[in-house]
Amino acid sequence: MHRNRKAVPGIARARPVSVALLVAATALAGCERGSSHGPGAATTGPSGCPAVQAEARAAVTRAERTDVPWNGPTSGPAAVPGKTVVYVAQTMTNPGVAAVAQGVKEAARVIGWKVRVIDGEGTPAGIQAALSEAVALRPSGIVIGGFDPDSTSQQVARATAAHIPLIGWHAVAAPGPSVHPRLFTNITTKVDDVASISAQWVVARSHGNAGVVLFTDASIPFAKHKSELIRKGLAACPGVRLLAYENIPIPDASSRTPREVSFLLSRFGSRWTHSVAINDLYFADAAPAFRAAGKTGSGPPFNIGAGDGDPSAFQRINGEQYQAATVPEPLSLQGWQILDEFNRAFSGRPASGYVAPVHISTESNSKGATTWDPSGYREAYRKIWGK
């Protein structure tokens, strides 16, 4: 998400959020926080939840593995020669969008295609102009890189009329083919899986006893849906208490988050042990308030970002600076997948249906890396393409 700040399913500090969603967020930027300070916001319940804890620990252990074998496609059409792809970026200052673009370029060198990147520069007008330029070039295919196709409906219609296949990255909420808007496929992780593993991380990390603050942007339907799923996951353990449900619009995060965090620290004190946010950016903005309150960067509260995993999040995690974990997207892998999906489209084949599994990155398993880059996909796609 961005401020010029990612679709959330993607900031200048570059932040991963689609422009169309940002416009919606800005329109509602004056909305009040959600249930944070209303009656019953802080709940109590019996301690622990052995069965839920056991399930959460198993899920988190799987998600933290870094040696997972490639579980994506192993067969498909050989490389179609001589293709050109245009990657229309929501903004190249968004680290998620930029990292996927780099993955597309890397894969294009292997498959033997040309790639051009056009930067929408983070504004509705800029993105519309960028997509118009892309359609005018009549390429073999166009990538919708991190923005809502509905915000460029005229340009999408022209591309469709010209029989130019469109593939989205975080363009719509769900992975896979889309009819409205028409996309050959959309590349993203599953929001249900991201939300579930984020809540399970809190349950497992706290041994079923936690006081949690949940940060969201309720003006963005996708983000609100994600946070409601997280809330449901936390509620599965009676010993996990939701202290506050903070609704802070993404465009206001840099100004409001420090103030809200200071208030929450004064209100809840040591009862606040964990936090979950729908995007890592909240913890960058929260850090000054935690620091001013004398909190150590290694926590508590222990904080997890439920989405994206941009380099700044990894830097906070590896430096133990007010973030303990993130649920990152495998951005380079997704760039390679985009090229493979185009190759299937050019060959008259259906989309692969592959969705990368969720992963949790922490200081102990990231080993200083600033991205989540699983193994096996480059070799698999080279073999499929005959390269």
Protein backbone atom coordinates (compact mmCIF):
# COMPACT_ATOMS: atom_id res chain seq x y z
CA MET A 1 0.00 0.00 0.00
CA HIS A 2 1.23 3.49 -0.53
CA ARG A 3 1.03 6.95 0.65
CA ASN A 4 2.01 8.04 -2.49
CA ARG A 5 1.86 5.52 -0.16
CA LYS A 6 0.18 -1.56 -2.18
CA ALA A 7 -3.63 -3.97 -4.57
CA VAL A 8 -4.01 -4.73 -1.26
CA PRO A 9 -5.88 -8.32 -2.90
CA GLY A 10 -0.89 -3.94 -3.40
CA ILE A 11 4.75 3.96 -0.59
CA ALA A 12 7.98 9.12 -0.64
CA ARG A 13 8.36 6.29 1.49
CA ALA A 14 7.40 3.59 -0.92
CA ARG A 15 4.61 1.47 0.39
CA PRO A 16 2.83 -1.47 -1.28
CA VAL A 17 -1.43 -0.32 -2.12
CA SER A 18 -3.27 0.08 -5.39
CA VAL A 19 -4.01 3.56 -6.63
CA ALA A 20 -7.70 2.95 -6.96
CA LEU A 21 -7.82 1.71 -3.39
CA LEU A 22 -5.77 4.69 -2.26
CA VAL A 23 -8.26 7.03 -3.89
CA ALA A 24 -11.02 5.29 -1.96
CA ALA A 25 -9.00 5.51 1.20
CA THR A 26 -8.32 9.21 0.68
CA ALA A 27 -11.99 9.93 0.12
CA LEU A 28 -12.74 8.43 3.49
CA ALA A 29 -9.59 9.59 5.24
CA GLY A 30 -11.57 11.56 7.78
CA CYS A 31 -13.34 8.51 9.13
CA GLU A 32 -13.00 7.81 12.81
CA ARG A 33 -11.21 4.82 14.24
CA GLY A 34 -13.31 1.69 14.42
CA SER A 35 -14.14 -0.08 17.65
CA SER A 36 -10.84 0.83 19.30
CA HIS A 37 -12.16 2.85 22.20
CA GLY A 38 -15.78 1.81 22.34
CA PRO A 39 -17.35 -0.30 25.07
CA GLY A 40 -16.15 -3.84 25.05
CA ALA A 41 -13.11 -3.23 22.87
CA ALA A 42 -10.93 -4.93 25.45
CA THR A 43 -12.25 -8.40 26.19
CA THR A 44 -11.16 -11.08 28.55
CA GLY A 45 -11.49 -14.79 28.50
CA PRO A 46 -10.12 -17.98 29.99
CA SER A 47 -6.41 -18.55 29.61
CA GLY A 48 -4.99 -20.59 26.80
CA CYS A 49 -6.51 -22.79 24.13
CA PRO A 50 -4.51 -26.04 23.92
CA ALA A 51 -6.11 -27.45 20.77
CA VAL A 52 -5.99 -24.12 18.91
CA GLN A 53 -2.41 -23.58 20.09
CA ALA A 54 -1.33 -26.98 18.77
CA GLU A 55 -2.89 -26.29 15.37
CA ALA A 56 -1.35 -22.81 15.27
CA ARG A 57 2.12 -24.07 16.18
CA ALA A 58 1.99 -26.68 13.43
CA ALA A 59 0.81 -24.13 10.84
CA VAL A 60 3.44 -21.57 11.84
CA THR A 61 6.21 -24.18 11.79
CA ARG A 62 5.23 -25.09 8.23
CA ALA A 63 5.01 -21.45 7.17
CA GLU A 64 8.43 -20.61 8.62
CA ARG A 65 10.22 -23.31 6.65
CA THR A 66 12.64 -22.01 4.05
CA ASP A 67 13.42 -25.40 2.46
CA VAL A 68 9.99 -26.06 0.97
CA PRO A 69 10.26 -27.92 -2.35
CA TRP A 70 8.82 -26.25 -5.43
CA ASN A 71 5.08 -26.97 -5.53
CA GLY A 72 4.26 -25.00 -8.66
CA PRO A 73 3.82 -26.17 -12.25
CA THR A 74 6.29 -28.66 -13.66
CA SER A 75 4.79 -28.92 -17.13
CA GLY A 76 3.51 -26.52 -19.73
CA PRO A 77 4.16 -25.19 -23.24
CA ALA A 78 7.68 -24.58 -24.50
CA ALA A 79 8.69 -20.96 -24.90
CA VAL A 80 6.91 -19.09 -27.69
CA PRO A 81 9.56 -16.96 -29.41
CA GLY A 82 9.61 -13.27 -30.21
CA LYS A 83 7.13 -11.83 -27.70
CA THR A 84 7.05 -8.38 -26.12
CA VAL A 85 5.48 -7.63 -22.75
CA VAL A 86 4.74 -4.22 -21.26
CA TYR A 87 4.68 -3.96 -17.48
CA VAL A 88 2.50 -1.05 -16.39
CA ALA A 89 3.54 -0.19 -12.84
CA GLN A 90 1.26 1.50 -10.33
CA THR A 91 4.43 3.27 -9.23
CA MET A 92 8.02 2.11 -9.33
CA THR A 93 8.54 3.71 -5.93
CA ASN A 94 6.34 0.93 -4.53
CA PRO A 95 8.90 -1.75 -3.57
CA GLY A 96 6.52 -4.64 -4.22
CA VAL A 97 5.62 -3.40 -7.70
CA ALA A 98 9.27 -2.70 -8.51
CA ALA A 99 10.48 -6.09 -7.27
CA VAL A 100 7.93 -7.93 -9.40
CA ALA A 101 9.01 -5.85 -12.40
CA GLN A 102 12.58 -6.97 -11.80
CA GLY A 103 11.40 -10.58 -11.65
CA VAL A 104 9.61 -10.13 -14.98
CA LYS A 105 12.77 -8.67 -16.54
CA GLU A 106 14.92 -11.50 -15.20
CA ALA A 107 12.53 -14.14 -16.54
CA ALA A 108 12.28 -12.35 -19.91
CA ARG A 109 16.04 -12.60 -20.38
CA VAL A 110 15.74 -16.36 -19.90
CA ILE A 111 12.71 -16.95 -22.10
CA GLY A 112 14.03 -14.56 -24.78
CA TRP A 113 11.35 -11.84 -24.78
CA LYS A 114 11.48 -8.08 -24.63
CA VAL A 115 10.05 -6.20 -21.66
CA ARG A 116 9.25 -2.54 -21.29
CA VAL A 117 8.24 -0.96 -18.00
CA ILE A 118 5.97 2.11 -17.97
CA ASP A 119 5.64 3.91 -14.64
CA GLY A 120 2.19 5.17 -13.69
CA GLU A 121 3.84 7.31 -10.99
CA GLY A 122 1.18 6.59 -8.41
CA THR A 123 -1.66 8.80 -9.66
CA PRO A 124 -4.91 7.83 -11.41
CA ALA A 125 -4.08 10.10 -14.37
CA GLY A 126 -0.54 8.73 -14.57
CA ILE A 127 -1.68 5.13 -14.53
CA GLN A 128 -4.34 5.76 -17.18
CA ALA A 129 -1.76 7.45 -19.39
CA ALA A 130 0.73 4.62 -18.84
CA LEU A 131 -1.82 1.96 -19.77
CA SER A 132 -2.94 3.98 -22.80
CA GLU A 133 0.68 4.10 -23.95
CA ALA A 134 1.03 0.37 -23.37
CA VAL A 135 -2.06 -0.44 -25.47
CA ALA A 136 -0.86 1.86 -28.26
CA LEU A 137 2.39 -0.10 -28.47
CA ARG A 138 0.37 -3.23 -29.37
CA PRO A 139 2.57 -5.60 -27.36
CA SER A 140 1.99 -9.33 -27.04
CA GLY A 141 0.78 -8.87 -23.47
CA ILE A 142 0.36 -6.27 -20.72
CA VAL A 143 0.88 -6.60 -16.97
CA ILE A 144 -1.48 -4.70 -14.65
CA GLY A 145 1.14 -4.05 -11.98
CA GLY A 146 -0.47 -3.33 -8.62
CA PHE A 147 -3.51 -1.23 -9.50
CA ASP A 148 -7.24 -1.77 -9.86
CA PRO A 149 -8.20 -2.35 -13.52
CA ASP A 150 -11.55 -0.69 -12.86
CA SER A 151 -9.69 2.60 -12.51
CA THR A 152 -8.54 2.19 -16.12
CA SER A 153 -11.68 0.61 -17.59
CA GLN A 154 -11.43 2.43 -20.93
CA GLN A 155 -7.83 1.35 -21.48
CA VAL A 156 -8.63 -2.22 -20.39
CA ALA A 157 -11.52 -2.29 -22.89
CA ARG A 158 -9.19 -1.15 -25.67
CA ALA A 159 -6.65 -3.84 -24.80
CA THR A 160 -9.37 -6.48 -24.76
CA ALA A 161 -10.70 -5.28 -28.12
CA ALA A 162 -7.16 -5.53 -29.52
CA HIS A 163 -6.89 -9.12 -28.17
CA ILE A 164 -3.96 -8.22 -25.94
CA PRO A 165 -3.98 -10.58 -22.94
CA LEU A 166 -3.81 -8.90 -19.54
CA ILE A 167 -2.25 -10.42 -16.45
CA GLY A 168 -2.59 -8.75 -13.09
CA TRP A 169 -0.34 -8.61 -10.08
CA HIS A 170 -2.44 -7.65 -7.05
CA ALA A 171 -4.92 -6.24 -9.55
CA VAL A 172 -7.97 -7.88 -7.96
CA ALA A 173 -8.47 -9.49 -4.56
CA ALA A 174 -8.37 -13.18 -5.56
CA PRO A 175 -5.75 -15.16 -7.47
CA GLY A 176 -6.59 -16.75 -10.82
CA PRO A 177 -8.53 -15.75 -13.93
CA SER A 178 -10.98 -12.85 -13.72
CA VAL A 179 -14.01 -12.16 -15.91
CA HIS A 180 -14.87 -8.69 -14.62
CA PRO A 181 -12.37 -7.15 -15.17
CA ARG A 182 -11.10 -9.50 -17.85
CA LEU A 183 -7.70 -10.84 -16.85
CA PHE A 184 -6.07 -14.03 -18.11
CA THR A 185 -5.04 -14.48 -14.50
CA ASN A 186 -4.18 -12.49 -11.38
CA ILE A 187 -1.08 -13.22 -9.31
CA THR A 188 -1.37 -12.86 -5.54
CA THR A 189 -1.40 -14.97 -2.41
CA LYS A 190 -4.78 -15.85 -0.85
CA VAL A 191 -6.01 -13.26 1.62
CA ASP A 192 -7.67 -15.97 3.74
CA ASP A 193 -4.35 -17.79 4.11
CA VAL A 194 -2.44 -14.60 4.94
CA ALA A 195 -4.98 -13.57 7.56
CA SER A 196 -5.17 -17.04 9.09
CA ILE A 197 -1.42 -17.53 9.47
CA SER A 198 -1.01 -14.03 10.94
CA ALA A 199 -3.53 -14.80 13.68
CA GLN A 200 -2.01 -18.23 14.24
CA TRP A 201 1.43 -16.66 14.68
CA VAL A 202 0.06 -14.57 17.56
CA VAL A 203 -1.60 -17.60 19.16
CA ALA A 204 1.54 -19.71 18.85
CA ARG A 205 3.98 -16.97 19.87
CA SER A 206 1.91 -16.04 22.95
CA HIS A 207 1.13 -19.62 23.99
CA GLY A 208 -2.53 -18.70 23.80
CA ASN A 209 -2.36 -15.68 26.10
CA ALA A 210 -2.09 -12.29 24.44
CA GLY A 211 -3.42 -8.76 24.41
CA VAL A 212 -3.62 -7.71 20.77
CA VAL A 213 -3.99 -4.47 18.83
CA LEU A 214 -5.16 -4.89 15.23
CA PHE A 215 -4.42 -2.14 12.69
CA THR A 216 -6.51 -1.81 9.51
CA ASP A 217 -7.87 0.62 6.95
CA ALA A 218 -11.65 0.09 6.95
CA SER A 219 -12.12 2.44 3.99
CA ILE A 220 -10.52 -0.18 1.73
CA PRO A 221 -12.88 -3.19 1.43
CA PHE A 222 -10.03 -5.64 0.78
CA ALA A 223 -8.11 -4.45 3.84
CA LYS A 224 -11.20 -4.48 6.03
CA HIS A 225 -12.00 -8.02 4.90
CA LYS A 226 -8.46 -9.12 5.74
CA SER A 227 -8.61 -7.59 9.20
CA GLU A 228 -12.02 -9.16 9.90
CA LEU A 229 -10.52 -12.55 9.01
CA ILE A 230 -7.60 -11.87 11.34
CA ARG A 231 -10.03 -10.86 14.08
CA LYS A 232 -11.94 -14.12 13.59
CA GLY A 233 -8.69 -16.10 13.77
CA LEU A 234 -7.66 -14.42 17.01
CA ALA A 235 -11.09 -15.08 18.52
CA ALA A 236 -10.56 -18.81 18.06
CA CYS A 237 -8.41 -18.71 21.20
CA PRO A 238 -10.26 -17.43 24.31
CA GLY A 239 -6.97 -16.47 25.94
CA VAL A 240 -6.18 -14.01 23.15
CA ARG A 241 -7.86 -10.70 23.94
CA LEU A 242 -8.47 -8.05 21.28
CA LEU A 243 -7.60 -4.86 23.11
CA ALA A 244 -8.17 -2.48 20.21
CA TYR A 245 -9.23 -2.56 16.57
CA GLU A 246 -7.56 0.52 15.11
CA ASN A 247 -8.95 1.94 11.88
CA ILE A 248 -6.27 4.22 10.43
CA PRO A 249 -6.56 5.03 6.72
CA ILE A 250 -3.34 4.35 4.85
CA PRO A 251 -2.88 7.97 3.67
CA ASP A 252 -3.08 9.11 7.32
CA ALA A 253 -0.85 6.40 8.75
CA SER A 254 2.31 8.48 9.09
CA SER A 255 0.54 11.23 11.02
CA ARG A 256 -2.00 9.21 13.01
CA THR A 257 -0.20 5.99 13.89
CA PRO A 258 2.36 7.53 16.29
CA ARG A 259 -0.40 9.41 18.13
CA GLU A 260 -2.67 6.37 18.35
CA VAL A 261 0.18 4.10 19.48
CA SER A 262 1.10 6.54 22.26
CA PHE A 263 -2.53 6.57 23.42
CA LEU A 264 -2.78 2.78 23.33
CA LEU A 265 0.44 2.38 25.30
CA SER A 266 -0.84 4.71 27.99
CA ARG A 267 -4.19 2.93 28.06
CA PHE A 268 -3.11 -0.70 28.00
CA GLY A 269 0.50 -0.67 29.22
CA SER A 270 1.94 -4.15 29.58
CA ARG A 271 -1.37 -5.77 28.65
CA TRP A 272 -0.52 -4.94 25.02
CA THR A 273 1.71 -7.86 24.05
CA HIS A 274 1.17 -8.37 20.31
CA SER A 275 0.05 -6.46 17.21
CA VAL A 276 -1.17 -7.43 13.75
CA ALA A 277 -1.43 -4.96 10.86
CA ILE A 278 -2.90 -5.44 7.41
CA ASN A 279 0.34 -4.00 6.00
CA ASP A 280 3.90 -3.68 7.32
CA LEU A 281 3.89 0.11 6.92
CA TYR A 282 2.05 0.68 10.21
CA PHE A 283 5.06 -0.55 12.17
CA ALA A 284 7.41 1.87 10.43
CA ASP A 285 5.11 4.66 11.58
CA ALA A 286 4.65 3.17 15.07
CA ALA A 287 8.37 2.88 15.79
CA PRO A 288 8.91 6.47 17.02
CA ALA A 289 6.07 6.16 19.54
CA PHE A 290 7.35 2.82 20.83
CA ARG A 291 10.83 4.29 21.12
CA ALA A 292 9.58 7.38 22.93
CA ALA A 293 7.75 5.16 25.41
CA GLY A 294 10.96 3.30 26.20
CA LYS A 295 9.94 0.09 24.47
CA THR A 296 12.78 -2.05 23.17
CA GLY A 297 12.84 -2.87 19.48
CA SER A 298 12.70 -6.59 20.20
CA GLY A 299 9.31 -6.21 21.94
CA PRO A 300 6.83 -6.62 23.49
CA PRO A 301 4.58 -5.81 21.83
CA PHE A 302 5.59 -8.35 19.20
CA ASN A 303 4.39 -7.15 15.80
CA ILE A 304 3.52 -9.01 12.59
CA GLY A 305 2.64 -7.49 9.22
CA ALA A 306 -0.05 -9.46 7.39
CA GLY A 307 1.10 -8.72 3.89
CA ASP A 308 3.74 -7.73 1.35
CA GLY A 309 7.11 -8.03 3.07
CA ASP A 310 8.87 -5.10 1.46
CA PRO A 311 12.60 -4.60 2.13
CA SER A 312 12.02 -2.06 4.91
CA ALA A 313 9.95 -4.64 6.81
CA PHE A 314 12.81 -7.14 6.57
CA GLN A 315 15.22 -4.48 7.78
CA ARG A 316 13.07 -3.84 10.86
CA ILE A 317 12.75 -7.57 11.51
CA ASN A 318 16.45 -8.33 11.06
CA GLY A 319 17.38 -5.33 13.20
CA GLU A 320 14.77 -6.15 15.86
CA GLN A 321 13.26 -2.71 15.45
CA TYR A 322 9.59 -2.97 16.45
CA GLN A 323 8.62 -5.73 14.03
CA ALA A 324 9.05 -9.44 14.68
CA ALA A 325 7.57 -11.02 11.55
CA THR A 326 5.96 -10.47 8.17
CA VAL A 327 3.92 -12.59 5.77
CA PRO A 328 5.76 -11.67 2.55
CA GLU A 329 4.95 -12.16 -1.09
CA PRO A 330 7.58 -14.07 -3.14
CA LEU A 331 7.97 -11.09 -5.46
CA SER A 332 10.64 -12.39 -7.84
CA LEU A 333 8.89 -15.75 -8.16
CA GLN A 334 5.68 -13.91 -9.03
CA GLY A 335 7.53 -12.05 -11.80
CA TRP A 336 8.62 -15.36 -13.29
CA GLN A 337 5.10 -16.74 -12.92
CA ILE A 338 3.71 -13.78 -14.87
CA LEU A 339 5.95 -14.67 -17.82
CA ASP A 340 4.95 -18.34 -17.63
CA GLU A 341 1.26 -17.41 -17.54
CA PHE A 342 1.70 -15.23 -20.63
CA ASN A 343 3.44 -18.13 -22.37
CA ARG A 344 0.40 -20.30 -21.61
CA ALA A 345 -1.91 -17.59 -22.95
CA PHE A 346 0.13 -17.24 -26.15
CA SER A 347 0.02 -21.03 -26.57
CA GLY A 348 -3.76 -21.25 -26.16
CA ARG A 349 -3.46 -22.99 -22.80
CA PRO A 350 -5.35 -22.13 -19.61
CA ALA A 351 -3.71 -20.40 -16.67
CA SER A 352 -1.65 -22.65 -14.43
CA GLY A 353 -3.75 -22.03 -11.32
CA TYR A 354 -0.64 -21.83 -9.17
CA VAL A 355 -0.81 -19.80 -5.96
CA ALA A 356 2.31 -19.46 -3.84
CA PRO A 357 1.85 -20.77 -0.29
CA VAL A 358 2.03 -18.38 2.64
CA HIS A 359 5.36 -17.90 4.36
CA ILE A 360 6.38 -16.21 7.59
CA SER A 361 9.71 -14.40 7.70
CA THR A 362 11.40 -13.71 11.02
CA GLU A 363 14.86 -12.67 12.10
CA SER A 364 15.81 -16.31 12.66
CA ASN A 365 14.81 -17.65 9.24
CA SER A 366 15.45 -14.67 6.94
CA LYS A 367 19.20 -14.68 7.74
CA GLY A 368 19.69 -11.07 6.72
CA ALA A 369 17.72 -11.25 3.46
CA THR A 370 15.50 -8.35 2.48
CA THR A 371 13.05 -10.40 0.39
CA TRP A 372 11.42 -13.82 0.47
CA ASP A 373 12.90 -15.70 -2.49
CA PRO A 374 12.04 -19.41 -2.33
CA SER A 375 14.07 -21.95 -4.24
CA GLY A 376 13.24 -24.15 -7.20
CA TYR A 377 11.09 -21.90 -9.37
CA ARG A 378 13.79 -20.70 -11.73
CA GLU A 379 14.88 -24.24 -12.54
CA ALA A 380 11.25 -25.39 -12.93
CA TYR A 381 10.30 -22.61 -15.34
CA ARG A 382 13.51 -23.04 -17.37
CA LYS A 383 12.67 -26.74 -17.78
CA ILE A 384 9.08 -25.97 -18.82
CA TRP A 385 10.21 -23.38 -21.37
CA GLY A 386 13.06 -25.50 -22.70
CA LYS A 387 15.57 -22.84 -21.69
